């Protein structure tokens, strides 16, 4: 694993001397933040050694280096999911690569389904905690001490200071922000009505198929993390309606400008 990470880093450093301070992962339908970046260089995943290829529609598969809000950033325009057939090591490899490239902070976005009746399509929810229902953990196996400790603490997985700053930004910009618990499941199917009810009972406010593996790897590596979800469908209705990918993407696109403002302003404060 460490050999693969170092090979990726070595390739990137041959292509650019750019040293990012902040890493950003852009989720389903949420790649437009890239338009706000003063781009230094773009690398496609398929040219970076050991990088998987994203197979999900709307995940463009680019690693973008540039300046956003006065800070040097590296942004993943498209992420990897366990359900695509990638190993957990592959899913989190980019986070570890970004760490070795120099980032100290990781900002993550995703699309999700609402479990709580207080959340509606188009809402933005800051993740304050998570429940991991993925079938594997990215830290399983031999621990590489140079990446992080065997038993990383997760009591402040989503940095409370950054959460408060984001809430303040929302108030200043007139953007209503919710906070809640994100449950990460394998997917790729959406949940049944009984599963939505179960996930709500165990403490979830939203459910998705990403983010948690990356946050675990990031905290293992000592990165400060922030994550925000765009609600793209509602799983709490008594009579649920079928959800299509087109509907998910449309909801994400509609909420994307608000999310972009939050992330831009938050980067400025790091």
Protein backbone atom coordinates (compact mmCIF):
# COMPACT_ATOMS: atom_id res chain seq x y z
CA UNK A 1 0.00 0.00 0.00
CA UNK A 2 2.69 2.49 0.97
CA UNK A 3 4.62 1.66 -2.21
CA UNK A 4 1.52 2.42 -4.31
CA UNK A 5 0.93 5.72 -2.51
CA UNK A 6 4.54 6.80 -2.98
CA UNK A 7 4.47 5.86 -6.68
CA UNK A 8 1.43 8.08 -7.18
CA UNK A 9 3.05 10.95 -5.29
CA UNK A 10 6.30 10.62 -7.22
CA UNK A 11 4.47 10.76 -10.55
CA UNK A 12 2.49 13.87 -9.51
CA UNK A 13 5.63 15.63 -8.28
CA UNK A 14 7.29 14.99 -11.63
CA UNK A 15 4.37 16.77 -13.29
CA UNK A 16 4.10 19.72 -10.91
CA UNK A 17 5.91 21.35 -8.00
CA UNK A 18 2.60 22.72 -6.72
CA UNK A 19 2.23 22.14 -2.96
CA UNK A 20 -1.43 22.11 -1.87
CA UNK A 21 -2.58 23.12 1.60
CA UNK A 22 -6.20 21.94 1.31
CA UNK A 23 -7.73 18.81 -0.23
CA UNK A 24 -11.27 18.84 -1.60
CA UNK A 25 -13.40 15.85 -2.65
CA UNK A 26 -16.38 16.70 -4.86
CA UNK A 27 -19.25 14.22 -4.85
CA UNK A 28 -22.08 13.26 -7.19
CA UNK A 29 -23.25 16.22 -9.27
CA UNK A 30 -21.04 18.59 -7.28
CA UNK A 31 -18.03 19.17 -9.54
CA UNK A 32 -18.68 22.82 -10.44
CA UNK A 33 -16.57 24.19 -7.58
CA UNK A 34 -13.71 23.52 -9.98
CA UNK A 35 -14.91 26.51 -12.04
CA UNK A 36 -13.93 28.74 -9.10
CA UNK A 37 -10.35 27.41 -8.96
CA UNK A 38 -7.50 29.24 -10.68
CA UNK A 39 -6.11 26.04 -12.16
CA UNK A 40 -2.37 25.34 -12.23
CA UNK A 41 -2.52 21.80 -13.65
CA UNK A 42 -5.09 19.04 -14.21
CA UNK A 43 -4.20 15.35 -14.11
CA UNK A 44 -6.64 12.68 -15.25
CA UNK A 45 -6.89 9.70 -12.92
CA UNK A 46 -6.05 7.30 -15.74
CA UNK A 47 -2.50 8.67 -16.03
CA UNK A 48 -1.68 8.59 -12.30
CA UNK A 49 -0.08 5.29 -11.24
CA UNK A 50 -2.32 3.13 -9.03
CA UNK A 51 -5.31 5.49 -9.23
CA UNK A 52 -8.57 3.64 -9.93
CA UNK A 53 -10.92 4.93 -12.63
CA UNK A 54 -14.22 6.45 -11.52
CA UNK A 55 -17.12 4.66 -13.24
CA UNK A 56 -19.98 6.80 -11.95
CA UNK A 57 -21.79 9.29 -14.19
CA UNK A 58 -20.99 12.92 -13.20
CA UNK A 59 -17.66 11.89 -11.64
CA UNK A 60 -15.19 13.37 -14.12
CA UNK A 61 -12.04 11.65 -12.89
CA UNK A 62 -9.67 14.59 -12.57
CA UNK A 63 -7.18 15.72 -9.95
CA UNK A 64 -7.05 19.51 -10.13
CA UNK A 65 -4.34 21.71 -8.62
CA UNK A 66 -4.83 25.45 -8.24
CA UNK A 67 -5.74 28.39 -6.04
CA UNK A 68 -9.13 28.90 -4.41
CA UNK A 69 -9.90 31.82 -2.09
CA UNK A 70 -6.19 32.55 -1.82
CA UNK A 71 -5.28 29.01 -0.73
CA UNK A 72 -3.46 26.31 -2.67
CA UNK A 73 -5.85 23.40 -3.15
CA UNK A 74 -6.01 20.00 -4.78
CA UNK A 75 -9.52 18.93 -5.76
CA UNK A 76 -10.83 15.51 -6.72
CA UNK A 77 -13.48 16.04 -9.39
CA UNK A 78 -15.02 12.64 -8.87
CA UNK A 79 -14.36 10.06 -6.16
CA UNK A 80 -14.23 6.28 -5.81
CA UNK A 81 -16.81 4.04 -4.14
CA UNK A 82 -16.55 0.55 -2.69
CA UNK A 83 -19.61 -0.50 -4.70
CA UNK A 84 -17.72 0.11 -7.96
CA UNK A 85 -15.60 -2.92 -7.15
CA UNK A 86 -12.62 -1.00 -5.81
CA UNK A 87 -10.92 -2.17 -2.64
CA UNK A 88 -11.10 0.09 0.40
CA UNK A 89 -7.37 0.75 -0.05
CA UNK A 90 -8.11 2.06 -3.55
CA UNK A 91 -11.07 4.13 -2.34
CA UNK A 92 -8.91 6.04 0.15
CA UNK A 93 -5.64 6.05 -1.80
CA UNK A 94 -6.19 9.63 -3.09
CA UNK A 95 -6.64 10.92 0.47
CA UNK A 96 -3.31 9.43 1.47
CA UNK A 97 -1.68 10.78 -1.68
CA UNK A 98 -3.01 14.28 -0.91
CA UNK A 99 -1.65 13.97 2.64
CA UNK A 100 1.85 13.18 1.35
CA UNK A 101 1.56 16.06 -1.11
CA UNK A 102 1.19 18.38 1.88
CA UNK A 103 -2.47 19.02 2.71
CA UNK A 104 -3.51 19.64 6.32
CA UNK A 105 -7.27 20.00 5.80
CA UNK A 106 -9.76 17.87 3.89
CA UNK A 107 -13.15 19.19 2.75
CA UNK A 108 -15.64 16.62 1.45
CA UNK A 109 -19.01 16.90 -0.28
CA UNK A 110 -21.60 14.30 -1.20
CA UNK A 111 -25.17 13.72 -2.32
CA UNK A 112 -27.41 11.88 0.12
CA UNK A 113 -30.92 10.76 0.94
CA UNK A 114 -32.83 12.26 3.85
CA UNK A 115 -33.84 10.02 6.75
CA UNK A 116 -35.09 12.80 9.01
CA UNK A 117 -38.48 14.41 8.24
CA UNK A 118 -36.85 17.77 8.96
CA UNK A 119 -34.69 17.46 5.83
CA UNK A 120 -35.90 18.09 2.30
CA UNK A 121 -34.55 17.83 -1.24
CA UNK A 122 -32.15 20.70 -1.86
CA UNK A 123 -31.15 21.16 1.79
CA UNK A 124 -27.51 21.40 2.77
CA UNK A 125 -26.48 19.43 5.85
CA UNK A 126 -23.13 19.75 7.59
CA UNK A 127 -22.03 16.35 8.85
CA UNK A 128 -21.35 16.48 12.59
CA UNK A 129 -20.86 12.71 13.04
CA UNK A 130 -21.27 9.44 11.18
CA UNK A 131 -22.29 5.81 11.50
CA UNK A 132 -20.19 3.44 9.41
CA UNK A 133 -22.16 0.57 7.86
CA UNK A 134 -19.68 -0.08 5.06
CA UNK A 135 -18.74 -3.79 4.94
CA UNK A 136 -15.02 -3.06 5.25
CA UNK A 137 -12.81 -0.51 6.99
CA UNK A 138 -9.89 1.15 5.14
CA UNK A 139 -7.67 0.61 8.20
CA UNK A 140 -8.13 -3.17 8.25
CA UNK A 141 -4.90 -5.13 7.98
CA UNK A 142 -1.32 -4.31 8.87
CA UNK A 143 -1.01 -0.74 10.12
CA UNK A 144 1.63 1.42 8.44
CA UNK A 145 2.87 3.61 11.25
CA UNK A 146 4.16 6.28 8.88
CA UNK A 147 0.54 6.88 7.77
CA UNK A 148 -1.01 6.99 11.24
CA UNK A 149 -1.64 5.15 14.53
CA UNK A 150 -3.16 1.68 14.82
CA UNK A 151 -6.17 2.97 16.76
CA UNK A 152 -6.99 6.53 15.61
CA UNK A 153 -9.40 8.54 17.76
CA UNK A 154 -12.64 9.56 16.03
CA UNK A 155 -14.21 11.74 18.73
CA UNK A 156 -13.72 14.86 16.60
CA UNK A 157 -13.84 13.29 13.15
CA UNK A 158 -15.63 16.33 11.76
CA UNK A 159 -13.83 19.33 13.19
CA UNK A 160 -16.13 21.28 15.49
CA UNK A 161 -14.28 24.53 14.80
CA UNK A 162 -14.81 24.22 11.04
CA UNK A 163 -18.45 23.29 11.58
CA UNK A 164 -19.00 26.47 13.57
CA UNK A 165 -17.22 28.57 10.95
CA UNK A 166 -19.43 27.08 8.21
CA UNK A 167 -22.57 27.82 10.23
CA UNK A 168 -21.43 31.44 10.61
CA UNK A 169 -20.76 31.67 6.87
CA UNK A 170 -24.26 30.36 6.21
CA UNK A 171 -25.78 33.03 8.44
CA UNK A 172 -23.74 35.77 6.76
CA UNK A 173 -24.70 34.59 3.26
CA UNK A 174 -28.33 33.83 4.03
CA UNK A 175 -27.89 30.09 3.42
CA UNK A 176 -29.86 27.75 5.66
CA UNK A 177 -27.57 24.98 6.89
CA UNK A 178 -28.66 21.91 8.82
CA UNK A 179 -26.40 19.65 10.87
CA UNK A 180 -26.77 15.93 11.38
CA UNK A 181 -25.45 12.38 11.31
CA UNK A 182 -24.45 10.71 8.04
CA UNK A 183 -24.79 6.95 7.65
CA UNK A 184 -22.52 5.35 5.06
CA UNK A 185 -23.74 2.15 3.38
CA UNK A 186 -22.29 0.05 0.59
CA UNK A 187 -24.89 0.57 -2.15
CA UNK A 188 -25.26 0.87 -5.07
CA UNK A 189 -29.02 0.27 -4.71
CA UNK A 190 -31.08 2.80 -2.84
CA UNK A 191 -32.69 1.64 0.39
CA UNK A 192 -36.02 -0.10 0.89
CA UNK A 193 -38.68 1.65 3.02
CA UNK A 194 -37.86 -0.70 5.92
CA UNK A 195 -34.16 0.05 5.60
CA UNK A 196 -34.78 3.82 5.62
CA UNK A 197 -36.83 3.36 8.81
CA UNK A 198 -34.09 1.23 10.39
CA UNK A 199 -31.38 3.77 9.54
CA UNK A 200 -33.48 6.56 11.05
CA UNK A 201 -34.07 4.52 14.22
CA UNK A 202 -30.34 3.91 14.78
CA UNK A 203 -29.59 7.62 14.65
CA UNK A 204 -29.08 8.70 11.05
CA UNK A 205 -30.29 11.96 9.53
CA UNK A 206 -29.07 11.16 6.01
CA UNK A 207 -27.70 8.14 4.17
CA UNK A 208 -25.13 7.84 1.39
CA UNK A 209 -22.53 5.53 -0.13
CA UNK A 210 -19.28 7.45 0.38
CA UNK A 211 -17.38 9.90 2.60
CA UNK A 212 -16.88 7.80 5.73
CA UNK A 213 -14.00 5.66 4.37
CA UNK A 214 -12.22 8.83 3.25
CA UNK A 215 -12.79 10.55 6.60
CA UNK A 216 -11.48 7.51 8.48
CA UNK A 217 -8.31 7.49 6.36
CA UNK A 218 -7.95 11.25 6.71
CA UNK A 219 -8.26 11.22 10.49
CA UNK A 220 -5.86 8.27 10.63
CA UNK A 221 -3.41 10.53 8.79
CA UNK A 222 -4.01 13.47 11.16
CA UNK A 223 -5.97 15.65 8.73
CA UNK A 224 -8.59 18.12 9.92
CA UNK A 225 -11.91 17.27 8.23
CA UNK A 226 -15.14 18.97 7.21
CA UNK A 227 -17.98 17.41 5.22
CA UNK A 228 -21.22 18.70 3.77
CA UNK A 229 -24.12 16.81 2.17
CA UNK A 230 -26.65 17.91 -0.42
CA UNK A 231 -30.02 16.21 0.13
CA UNK A 232 -31.16 14.86 -3.25
CA UNK A 233 -34.09 12.67 -2.21
CA UNK A 234 -36.34 11.98 0.77
CA UNK A 235 -36.54 8.51 2.30
CA UNK A 236 -38.80 9.33 5.23
CA UNK A 237 -42.18 9.47 3.46
CA UNK A 238 -44.79 6.87 4.32
CA UNK A 239 -45.49 6.40 0.61
CA UNK A 240 -42.11 6.59 -1.13
CA UNK A 241 -41.69 7.41 -4.80
CA UNK A 242 -39.03 5.83 -7.04
CA UNK A 243 -35.82 7.88 -7.38
CA UNK A 244 -33.73 8.09 -10.55
CA UNK A 245 -30.12 9.17 -11.04
CA UNK A 246 -31.39 12.04 -13.18
CA UNK A 247 -33.43 13.34 -10.24
CA UNK A 248 -30.43 13.03 -7.91
CA UNK A 249 -28.19 14.95 -10.31
CA UNK A 250 -30.81 17.65 -10.88
CA UNK A 251 -31.24 18.20 -7.13
CA UNK A 252 -27.46 18.33 -6.63
CA UNK A 253 -27.06 20.88 -9.44
CA UNK A 254 -29.77 23.08 -7.97
CA UNK A 255 -28.14 23.15 -4.53
CA UNK A 256 -24.59 23.31 -5.85
CA UNK A 257 -24.25 27.15 -5.97
CA UNK A 258 -25.00 27.38 -2.24
CA UNK A 259 -22.53 24.62 -1.42
CA UNK A 260 -19.90 26.31 -3.57
CA UNK A 261 -20.27 29.54 -1.58
CA UNK A 262 -19.88 27.69 1.73
CA UNK A 263 -16.75 25.82 0.62
CA UNK A 264 -15.16 28.87 -1.00
CA UNK A 265 -15.63 30.96 2.13
CA UNK A 266 -14.51 28.13 4.41
CA UNK A 267 -11.29 27.65 2.44
CA UNK A 268 -10.63 31.37 2.86
CA UNK A 269 -10.80 30.96 6.66
CA UNK A 270 -8.40 27.99 6.88
